[in-house]
Protein backbone atom coordinates (compact mmCIF):
# COMPACT_ATOMS: atom_id res chain seq x y z
CA MET A 1 -14.85 -28.91 4.25
CA LEU A 2 -14.82 -26.63 7.30
CA LEU A 3 -18.19 -26.16 8.98
CA VAL A 4 -18.57 -22.93 10.98
CA TYR A 5 -21.29 -22.71 13.59
CA THR A 6 -22.40 -19.19 14.51
CA HIS A 7 -25.46 -17.59 16.04
CA LYS A 8 -26.00 -15.34 13.01
CA ILE A 9 -24.72 -15.57 9.43
CA THR A 10 -24.00 -12.08 8.14
CA PRO A 11 -22.46 -10.76 4.89
CA ARG A 12 -19.42 -9.58 6.85
CA LEU A 13 -18.92 -13.00 8.39
CA ARG A 14 -19.21 -14.81 5.04
CA TYR A 15 -16.83 -12.35 3.41
CA VAL A 16 -13.95 -12.57 5.88
CA PHE A 17 -14.22 -16.32 6.57
CA LYS A 18 -14.07 -17.04 2.83
CA GLN A 19 -11.05 -14.75 2.46
CA ILE A 20 -9.10 -16.40 5.27
CA CYS A 21 -10.23 -20.00 4.91
CA THR A 22 -10.75 -20.38 1.18
CA ARG A 23 -8.62 -17.75 -0.57
CA ILE A 24 -5.63 -17.82 1.78
CA LEU A 25 -5.71 -21.35 3.22
CA GLY A 26 -7.50 -23.11 0.36
CA ILE A 27 -10.11 -24.73 2.63
CA PRO A 28 -13.72 -24.90 1.41
CA LEU A 29 -16.26 -23.98 4.08
CA THR A 30 -19.90 -23.63 4.87
CA PHE A 31 -21.93 -22.14 7.72
CA THR A 32 -24.71 -23.27 10.00
CA THR A 33 -26.82 -21.86 12.80
CA THR A 34 -28.20 -25.29 13.67
CA VAL A 35 -26.54 -27.08 16.58
CA GLU A 36 -27.63 -30.54 15.37
CA ASP A 37 -25.97 -30.06 11.97
CA PHE A 38 -22.80 -28.91 13.69
CA ILE A 39 -22.68 -31.94 15.98
CA ALA A 40 -23.32 -34.34 13.09
CA HIS A 41 -20.48 -32.95 10.96
CA ASN A 42 -17.53 -35.39 11.06
CA SER A 43 -14.77 -33.28 9.50
CA LEU A 44 -13.29 -29.82 10.17
CA LYS A 45 -15.58 -27.71 12.30
CA MET A 46 -15.47 -24.77 14.67
CA SER A 47 -17.84 -22.45 16.47
CA TYR A 48 -17.64 -18.71 16.17
CA THR A 49 -19.97 -17.09 18.65
CA ARG A 50 -20.04 -15.55 22.12
CA GLN A 51 -19.94 -18.78 24.15
CA PRO A 52 -18.82 -22.33 23.27
CA LEU A 53 -21.44 -25.05 22.84
CA GLY A 54 -19.27 -27.57 24.65
CA LYS A 55 -15.66 -28.59 24.18
CA GLU A 56 -15.51 -27.96 20.46
CA PHE A 57 -12.88 -25.90 18.62
CA PHE A 58 -14.12 -22.43 19.55
CA ILE A 59 -13.13 -18.86 18.73
CA ARG A 60 -14.95 -16.16 20.64
CA SER A 61 -16.47 -13.56 18.32
CA ASN A 62 -16.18 -9.82 18.41
CA GLU A 63 -19.37 -7.92 17.58
CA LEU A 64 -17.89 -6.21 14.50
CA LEU A 65 -18.97 -8.96 12.09
CA PHE A 66 -22.55 -8.81 13.36
CA GLU A 67 -22.95 -5.04 13.09
CA GLN A 68 -24.05 -2.86 10.20
CA GLY A 69 -22.70 0.50 9.20
CA LEU A 70 -19.83 2.34 10.85
CA SER A 71 -19.15 2.94 14.51
CA ASP A 72 -16.25 4.14 16.62
CA VAL A 73 -14.48 0.79 16.97
CA GLU A 74 -11.86 0.41 19.71
CA THR A 75 -8.67 -1.03 18.23
CA LYS A 76 -6.11 -1.46 20.99
CA VAL A 77 -3.15 -3.21 19.37
CA THR A 78 -0.99 -5.53 21.48
CA GLY A 79 1.80 -8.01 20.80
CA TRP A 80 1.11 -11.61 19.83
CA GLU A 81 4.22 -13.78 19.50
CA GLU A 82 6.14 -12.44 16.46
CA THR A 83 3.31 -10.18 15.31
CA LYS A 84 0.54 -7.94 16.66
CA CYS A 85 -3.22 -8.06 16.78
CA PHE A 86 -6.32 -6.41 18.22
CA PHE A 87 -9.81 -7.45 19.42
CA PRO A 88 -8.71 -9.76 22.31
CA ASN A 89 -11.32 -12.40 23.15
CA GLY A 90 -10.52 -14.14 26.44
CA GLU A 91 -9.14 -17.44 27.73
CA GLN A 92 -11.88 -19.78 26.46
CA SER A 93 -11.05 -19.01 22.84
CA ALA A 94 -8.59 -21.18 20.88
CA LEU A 95 -6.99 -17.95 19.65
CA PRO A 96 -6.31 -15.00 21.98
CA PHE A 97 -7.66 -12.55 19.37
CA ASP A 98 -10.60 -12.50 17.02
CA ILE A 99 -8.55 -12.64 13.82
CA PHE A 100 -11.68 -12.64 11.69
CA ALA A 101 -13.00 -9.33 13.01
CA ALA A 102 -9.49 -7.83 12.92
CA SER A 103 -9.00 -9.02 9.33
CA PHE A 104 -12.35 -7.57 8.30
CA TYR A 105 -11.38 -4.22 9.82
CA LEU A 106 -8.21 -4.12 7.70
CA LEU A 107 -9.56 -5.62 4.47
CA SER A 108 -12.69 -3.47 4.36
CA ARG A 109 -10.46 -0.41 4.97
CA TYR A 110 -12.80 0.51 7.82
CA GLU A 111 -10.36 3.16 9.05
CA GLU A 112 -10.42 4.96 5.70
CA TYR A 113 -14.12 5.65 6.13
CA MET A 114 -13.48 7.30 9.49
CA PRO A 115 -12.36 10.96 9.82
CA HIS A 116 -8.70 11.39 8.87
CA VAL A 117 -6.25 13.94 7.46
CA LYS A 118 -5.58 13.60 3.73
CA ASP A 119 -2.47 14.70 1.83
CA ASP A 120 -2.37 17.43 -0.85
CA TYR A 121 -3.83 15.06 -3.45
CA GLY A 122 -6.64 13.92 -1.16
CA ARG A 123 -5.07 10.54 -0.39
CA PHE A 124 -5.20 8.46 2.77
CA THR A 125 -1.62 8.37 4.05
CA ALA A 126 0.35 5.68 5.85
CA GLU A 127 0.78 7.99 8.83
CA GLU A 128 -2.99 7.89 9.40
CA SER A 129 -3.14 4.10 9.47
CA LEU A 130 -3.42 1.73 12.41
CA ALA A 131 -0.60 -0.38 10.98
CA PHE A 132 1.90 2.48 10.72
CA ASN A 133 1.14 3.84 14.17
CA ASN A 134 1.40 0.43 15.81
CA GLY A 135 4.47 -0.89 14.01
CA PHE A 136 3.02 -3.62 11.81
CA LEU A 137 2.87 -1.92 8.41
CA ARG A 138 5.60 -4.22 7.09
CA GLN A 139 3.87 -7.40 8.17
CA PRO A 140 1.13 -9.13 6.13
CA VAL A 141 -0.74 -9.66 9.38
CA VAL A 142 -3.94 -11.06 7.85
CA ASP A 143 -1.92 -13.84 6.20
CA ILE A 144 0.15 -14.38 9.36
CA TRP A 145 -3.03 -14.69 11.45
CA ALA A 146 -4.48 -17.11 8.88
CA LEU A 147 -1.44 -19.38 9.21
CA LYS A 148 -1.72 -19.32 13.01
CA PHE A 149 -5.34 -20.36 12.61
CA LYS A 150 -4.28 -23.14 10.22
CA LYS A 151 -1.67 -24.41 12.68
CA ILE A 152 -4.32 -24.87 15.36
CA LEU A 153 -6.69 -26.51 12.88
CA GLU A 154 -3.92 -28.96 11.92
CA SER A 155 -3.42 -29.92 15.55
CA GLN A 156 -7.16 -30.40 16.04
CA PHE A 157 -7.73 -32.28 12.77
CA PRO A 158 -4.38 -33.96 11.86
CA GLU A 159 -6.01 -36.28 9.30
CA PHE A 160 -7.22 -33.43 7.07
CA PRO A 161 -5.01 -32.75 3.98
CA PHE A 162 -4.39 -29.02 4.11
CA PRO A 163 -3.36 -27.54 0.72
CA LYS A 164 -0.29 -25.33 0.30
CA ARG A 165 -0.03 -22.25 -1.89
CA HIS A 166 3.13 -20.84 -3.47
CA TYR A 167 4.85 -17.45 -3.57
CA LYS A 168 4.31 -15.47 -6.76
CA ILE A 169 5.18 -12.06 -8.14
CA THR A 170 3.13 -9.56 -10.15
CA PRO A 171 5.33 -6.76 -11.51
CA VAL A 172 3.26 -3.69 -12.42
CA ILE A 173 4.65 -1.25 -14.99
CA ASP A 174 2.97 2.15 -14.69
CA VAL A 175 3.11 4.24 -17.88
CA PRO A 176 1.89 7.82 -17.24
CA THR A 177 3.66 8.91 -20.44
CA ALA A 178 5.29 6.53 -22.86
CA TYR A 179 7.90 8.98 -24.17
CA SER A 180 9.66 12.00 -22.80
CA TYR A 181 10.04 13.81 -26.16
CA LYS A 182 8.62 11.64 -28.96
CA LEU A 183 5.03 11.93 -30.25
CA LYS A 184 4.35 15.10 -28.26
CA GLY A 185 3.22 17.17 -31.24
CA ILE A 186 4.49 20.53 -32.49
CA MET A 187 2.83 22.77 -29.89
CA ARG A 188 3.99 20.74 -26.89
CA THR A 189 7.50 20.45 -28.35
CA ILE A 190 7.71 24.23 -28.86
CA GLY A 191 6.24 24.85 -25.41
CA GLY A 192 8.73 22.47 -23.82
CA THR A 193 11.59 24.14 -25.66
CA PHE A 194 10.65 27.62 -24.43
CA SER A 195 10.16 26.29 -20.91
CA ASP A 196 13.69 24.87 -20.95
CA LEU A 197 15.05 28.14 -22.36
CA PHE A 198 13.47 30.23 -19.59
CA ARG A 199 14.95 27.85 -16.99
CA PHE A 200 18.34 27.71 -18.75
CA ARG A 201 18.08 23.94 -19.13
CA LEU A 202 20.17 23.82 -22.28
CA LYS A 203 21.03 20.15 -21.89
CA ASN A 204 17.33 19.33 -22.04
CA ILE A 205 16.98 21.24 -25.31
CA TYR A 206 19.93 19.39 -26.80
CA LYS A 207 18.54 16.06 -25.65
CA ARG A 208 15.02 16.84 -26.91
CA TYR A 209 16.14 17.58 -30.46
CA SER A 210 18.69 14.77 -30.49
CA VAL A 211 15.81 12.39 -29.76
CA LEU A 212 13.50 14.00 -32.32
CA PHE A 213 16.18 13.78 -35.02
CA GLY A 214 16.96 10.17 -34.16
CA LEU A 215 20.42 10.84 -32.72
CA GLN A 216 19.54 9.68 -29.20
CA HIS A 217 17.14 7.21 -27.61
CA ASP A 218 14.10 8.67 -25.85
CA PRO A 219 14.83 8.36 -22.09
CA PHE A 220 11.32 7.06 -21.30
CA ASP A 221 11.34 4.47 -24.09
CA THR A 222 12.42 1.46 -22.03
CA PHE A 223 9.85 -0.95 -23.38
CA LYS A 224 12.28 -3.19 -25.25
CA TYR A 225 14.27 -3.69 -22.05
CA ILE A 226 11.15 -4.49 -19.99
CA ILE A 227 9.77 -6.90 -22.59
CA ASN A 228 13.11 -8.72 -22.67
CA LYS A 229 12.74 -9.15 -18.90
CA GLN A 230 9.20 -10.42 -19.39
CA LYS A 231 10.46 -13.08 -21.78
CA GLN A 232 12.76 -14.42 -19.07
CA VAL A 233 10.07 -15.10 -16.45
CA LYS A 234 6.75 -16.93 -16.34
CA ASP A 235 4.86 -14.45 -14.16
CA LYS A 236 3.08 -11.93 -16.38
CA PHE A 237 3.80 -8.21 -15.99
CA ILE A 238 0.87 -5.79 -16.13
CA PHE A 239 1.34 -2.51 -18.02
CA PHE A 240 -1.02 0.34 -17.15
CA PHE A 241 -1.13 2.93 -19.95
CA LEU A 242 -2.60 6.40 -19.47
CA ILE A 243 -4.76 7.19 -22.51
CA GLY A 244 -6.98 9.93 -21.09
CA ASP A 245 -7.13 13.45 -22.47
CA PHE A 246 -4.21 15.81 -21.87
CA SER A 247 -4.63 17.95 -18.74
CA THR A 248 -2.75 19.78 -16.00
CA TYR A 249 -2.22 16.47 -14.20
CA ASP A 250 -1.89 14.09 -17.16
CA LYS A 251 0.88 14.73 -19.69
CA ASN A 252 0.41 11.58 -21.71
CA ILE A 253 0.66 10.84 -25.43
CA ASN A 254 -2.46 11.36 -27.56
CA ALA A 255 -4.20 7.98 -27.78
CA GLN A 256 -5.06 8.60 -31.42
CA LYS A 257 -1.43 8.54 -32.52
CA SER A 258 -0.87 5.32 -34.45
CA LYS A 259 2.65 4.74 -33.12
CA PHE A 260 1.38 4.94 -29.53
CA VAL A 261 -1.43 2.50 -30.34
CA SER A 262 1.11 0.17 -31.96
CA LEU A 263 3.26 0.33 -28.84
CA ILE A 264 0.35 -0.74 -26.62
CA LYS A 265 -0.51 -3.59 -28.98
CA GLU A 266 3.11 -4.74 -29.13
CA VAL A 267 3.44 -4.75 -25.34
CA GLY A 268 0.14 -6.64 -25.15
CA ASP A 269 1.65 -9.48 -27.18
CA TYR A 270 3.86 -10.34 -24.19
CA SER A 271 2.24 -8.87 -21.08
CA LYS A 272 -1.17 -7.95 -19.71
CA ILE A 273 -2.58 -4.49 -20.42
CA GLY A 274 -4.56 -2.37 -17.99
CA LEU A 275 -5.91 1.18 -17.90
CA LYS A 276 -4.25 3.92 -15.91
CA ALA A 277 -7.26 6.11 -15.24
CA SER A 278 -6.65 9.83 -15.66
CA TYR A 279 -6.86 12.26 -12.75
CA PHE A 280 -10.28 13.59 -13.74
CA ALA A 281 -11.65 10.09 -14.29
CA LEU A 282 -11.28 9.41 -10.56
CA ASN A 283 -14.57 11.10 -9.71
CA ASN A 284 -16.27 11.10 -13.09
CA LEU A 285 -17.90 7.87 -14.24
CA SER A 286 -18.50 9.23 -17.74
CA ILE A 287 -14.81 10.05 -18.30
CA LEU A 288 -13.76 6.69 -16.89
CA LYS A 289 -16.17 4.90 -19.20
CA THR A 290 -14.79 6.80 -22.20
CA GLU A 291 -11.24 5.80 -21.30
CA LYS A 292 -12.28 2.17 -20.74
CA LEU A 293 -13.91 1.97 -24.17
CA ARG A 294 -10.89 3.69 -25.71
CA MET A 295 -8.53 1.08 -24.25
CA GLU A 296 -10.80 -1.81 -25.25
CA SER A 297 -10.80 -0.56 -28.85
CA ILE A 298 -6.98 -0.68 -28.79
CA ILE A 299 -6.50 -4.11 -27.18
CA ASN A 300 -9.59 -5.67 -28.82
CA GLN A 301 -10.73 -7.35 -25.62
CA ASP A 302 -12.55 -6.53 -22.42
CA LEU A 303 -10.59 -4.38 -19.98
CA ARG A 304 -9.92 -6.40 -16.84
CA ALA A 305 -7.61 -4.21 -14.76
CA SER A 306 -7.25 -0.56 -13.80
CA ARG A 307 -5.02 1.65 -11.73
CA GLN A 308 -5.87 5.20 -10.62
CA SER A 309 -3.57 8.18 -11.28
CA PHE A 310 -1.40 9.24 -8.33
CA SER A 311 -2.52 6.07 -6.48
CA LYS A 312 -5.52 8.07 -5.34
CA LEU A 313 -8.65 6.40 -3.97
CA ASN A 314 -11.90 7.92 -2.78
CA LEU A 315 -13.64 5.14 -0.90
CA PRO A 316 -16.15 3.88 -1.70
CA GLU A 317 -16.85 5.97 -4.84
CA SER A 318 -13.69 5.01 -6.77
CA TYR A 319 -14.38 1.32 -6.43
CA ARG A 320 -18.11 1.62 -7.05
CA ASN A 321 -17.33 3.22 -10.41
CA LEU A 322 -15.12 0.26 -11.34
CA VAL A 323 -17.87 -2.16 -10.31
CA GLU A 324 -20.37 -0.18 -12.38
CA LEU A 325 -18.14 -0.52 -15.45
CA GLU A 326 -17.48 -4.22 -14.79
CA ILE A 327 -13.74 -3.77 -14.36
CA SER A 328 -12.72 -6.83 -12.35
CA ASN A 329 -9.28 -5.93 -10.92
CA ASP A 330 -7.75 -2.82 -9.37
CA TYR A 331 -4.08 -2.17 -8.56
CA THR A 332 -4.32 1.23 -6.89
CA MET A 333 -4.22 0.44 -3.18
CA GLY A 334 -0.86 1.01 -1.52
CA TYR A 335 1.29 3.81 -0.13
CA ILE A 336 3.45 5.93 -2.42
CA ASN A 337 6.04 6.82 0.25
CA TYR A 338 6.17 3.66 2.34
CA ILE A 339 6.84 -0.01 1.76
CA GLY A 340 4.25 -2.25 3.34
CA PHE A 341 0.74 -3.64 3.43
CA ARG A 342 -2.02 -1.02 3.30
CA ALA A 343 -4.75 -3.63 3.85
CA GLY A 344 -2.58 -5.89 6.00
CA THR A 345 -2.35 -8.61 3.37
CA CYS A 346 -0.43 -9.92 0.35
CA THR A 347 -3.40 -11.89 -0.94
CA PRO A 348 -5.89 -10.33 -3.39
CA PHE A 349 -9.33 -9.75 -1.89
CA PHE A 350 -12.73 -8.47 -2.97
CA PHE A 351 -13.92 -4.96 -2.22
CA TYR A 352 -16.52 -4.97 0.55
CA ASP A 353 -18.88 -2.01 0.38
CA LEU A 354 -19.49 -0.97 3.98
CA ASP A 355 -22.39 1.30 3.07
CA TYR A 356 -24.35 -1.43 1.29
CA GLU A 357 -22.94 -4.33 3.34
CA ILE A 358 -22.14 -6.45 0.29
CA GLN A 359 -19.11 -8.11 -1.24
CA THR A 360 -18.59 -6.75 -4.73
CA PRO A 361 -17.00 -8.57 -7.70
CA LEU A 362 -14.06 -6.11 -7.74
CA ARG A 363 -10.78 -7.81 -6.86
CA ILE A 364 -8.30 -5.59 -4.99
CA ASN A 365 -4.63 -6.27 -5.67
CA THR A 366 -2.69 -4.12 -3.21
CA TYR A 367 0.87 -3.17 -4.14
CA HIS A 368 3.61 -3.47 -1.54
CA VAL A 369 6.36 -1.29 -2.93
CA LEU A 370 6.32 1.64 -5.35
CA ASP A 371 9.63 2.67 -6.93
CA ASN A 372 9.26 6.14 -5.41
CA ALA A 373 9.16 4.68 -1.87
CA LEU A 374 12.72 3.37 -2.27
CA LEU A 375 14.14 6.82 -3.10
CA LYS A 376 14.33 7.73 0.60
CA TYR A 377 17.14 5.16 1.02
CA GLN A 378 20.39 6.67 -0.19
CA SER A 379 22.57 3.68 -1.05
CA LEU A 380 21.86 0.70 -3.27
CA LEU A 381 22.70 -1.51 -0.29
CA ASP A 382 19.93 0.10 1.79
CA LYS A 383 17.43 -0.13 -1.06
CA ARG A 384 18.20 -3.82 -1.55
CA MET A 385 17.95 -4.49 2.18
CA HIS A 386 14.48 -2.95 2.50
CA LEU A 387 13.28 -4.60 -0.69
CA ASN A 388 14.54 -8.00 0.48
CA GLN A 389 12.83 -7.51 3.83
CA ILE A 390 9.43 -7.12 2.21
CA ILE A 391 10.10 -10.06 -0.12
CA LYS A 392 11.02 -12.21 2.89
CA ALA A 393 7.83 -11.18 4.69
CA ILE A 394 5.69 -12.17 1.69
CA LYS A 395 7.57 -15.40 1.08
CA SER A 396 7.07 -16.41 4.71
CA VAL A 397 3.31 -16.63 4.08
CA ASP A 398 3.58 -17.78 0.42
CA GLY A 399 1.81 -14.62 -0.71
CA GLU A 400 1.78 -12.54 -3.89
CA PHE A 401 4.27 -9.69 -4.21
CA VAL A 402 2.94 -6.76 -6.24
CA SER A 403 5.52 -4.10 -7.09
CA VAL A 404 5.01 -0.90 -9.09
CA PHE A 405 7.77 0.49 -11.29
CA HIS A 406 7.36 3.17 -13.99
CA ASN A 407 8.66 2.92 -17.53
CA TYR A 408 11.01 5.87 -16.91
CA THR A 409 12.44 4.04 -13.88
CA PHE A 410 14.52 1.95 -16.28
CA GLY A 411 15.96 4.96 -18.14
CA ALA A 412 19.37 6.56 -17.81
CA SER A 413 18.38 9.21 -15.26
CA GLU A 414 20.69 9.47 -12.26
CA THR A 415 17.62 9.39 -9.99
CA TRP A 416 16.86 5.82 -11.03
CA LYS A 417 20.37 4.51 -11.63
CA ASP A 418 20.02 1.42 -9.40
CA TYR A 419 16.51 0.42 -10.31
CA LYS A 420 17.29 -2.13 -13.00
CA GLU A 421 19.20 -4.08 -10.36
CA LEU A 422 16.35 -3.69 -7.87
CA PHE A 423 13.89 -4.98 -10.46
CA ASN A 424 16.14 -7.99 -10.95
CA VAL A 425 15.99 -8.62 -7.20
CA ILE A 426 12.21 -8.94 -7.52
CA LEU A 427 12.40 -11.22 -10.54
CA ASP A 428 15.14 -13.31 -8.91
CA SER A 429 12.99 -13.79 -5.82
CA LYS A 430 11.03 -16.45 -7.71
CA GLY A 431 14.24 -18.42 -8.11
CA GLN A 432 14.33 -17.92 -11.87
CA SER A 433 17.76 -19.15 -12.92
CA ASN A 434 17.61 -17.72 -16.43
CA ILE A 435 17.38 -14.03 -15.54
CA LYS A 436 20.20 -12.05 -17.12
CA LYS A 437 21.62 -9.16 -15.12
């Protein structure tokens, strides 16, 4: 067990030390403010304060973990070996940066509480982030810093058996609408037909009625293909189905249709099921609760995971609503147009509410690539290269790779023609020898 001596034990300090030491490195820890207890401890120990007690393993602390509320924090990013960091802490410290304060800044999404420019959907963009503007968006820096910390601990305490974690994948399948033409109802079918007529999209009309008359396969109905992939790997996929009411933003299938319900149940026999919250549920606890209960009545179990429409988050309100409804996992955090690490990590972490200064029970699973982010690369070769780069970065720290693909991504559309192969790259990254191309 690692004993940490500090002059003051705060919620922020407990939160970030447990994330780095216990959840990333697998080391149990405890804290003390008593010098005598620290001296008497005969295993792993370190001090985290302003000045060392003596010649112990010491990391000089930044004030961020001892503050409350928000302030204008100076974050001057500089190079550190193969990576970057901020909050330098002087020569006496065993590490040249306070990785704990820097990790807290990224994991708490401190910068997203500060004034920033949002996009048209009200989202925090990569261009506003410290990571993007300082060239470390594609590095899981929190995990990299944790391994640097572990390396020094190993040199100080060579007799301690440090555990090792293993790389894993969590493929997310986002289902905003299960079918392109099927189960849309008479009015929506007629409306879609007239819309295609006015735009002279005659091929769409032909395709629509070929699907409805059973002559063609619905282009969004790729579930058999995805389930066959699930059967070939051990890591469970998570499907997020949109079952909210139809609106301007949400063009999903009516959740009362028995065939749609059967589809969700069938998918749930092989993979995990989560709720894709509708656009209007983002800021409305009542709507979100209705959708949660609706999904639970379909899957006949408690809902454990959610994902917000359009990958939109309003911190801290979005996450407080999930906590209120006892939803334990969220898969919303990431960037829709960029590959990388929005919170600087590839390890799940708990949402820390900066207003209330508490760690909540909500587990944040950030995604690292969305299918849409790969569209900017023209050739399959470029797409594979960028995808492999992010996989390599996550493997280097034995992290968890969360990718988000949509059900329509695996259809026959020219836009997504290479994406089955890219999905195989992700599945193959676990070294699964039985994956069929």
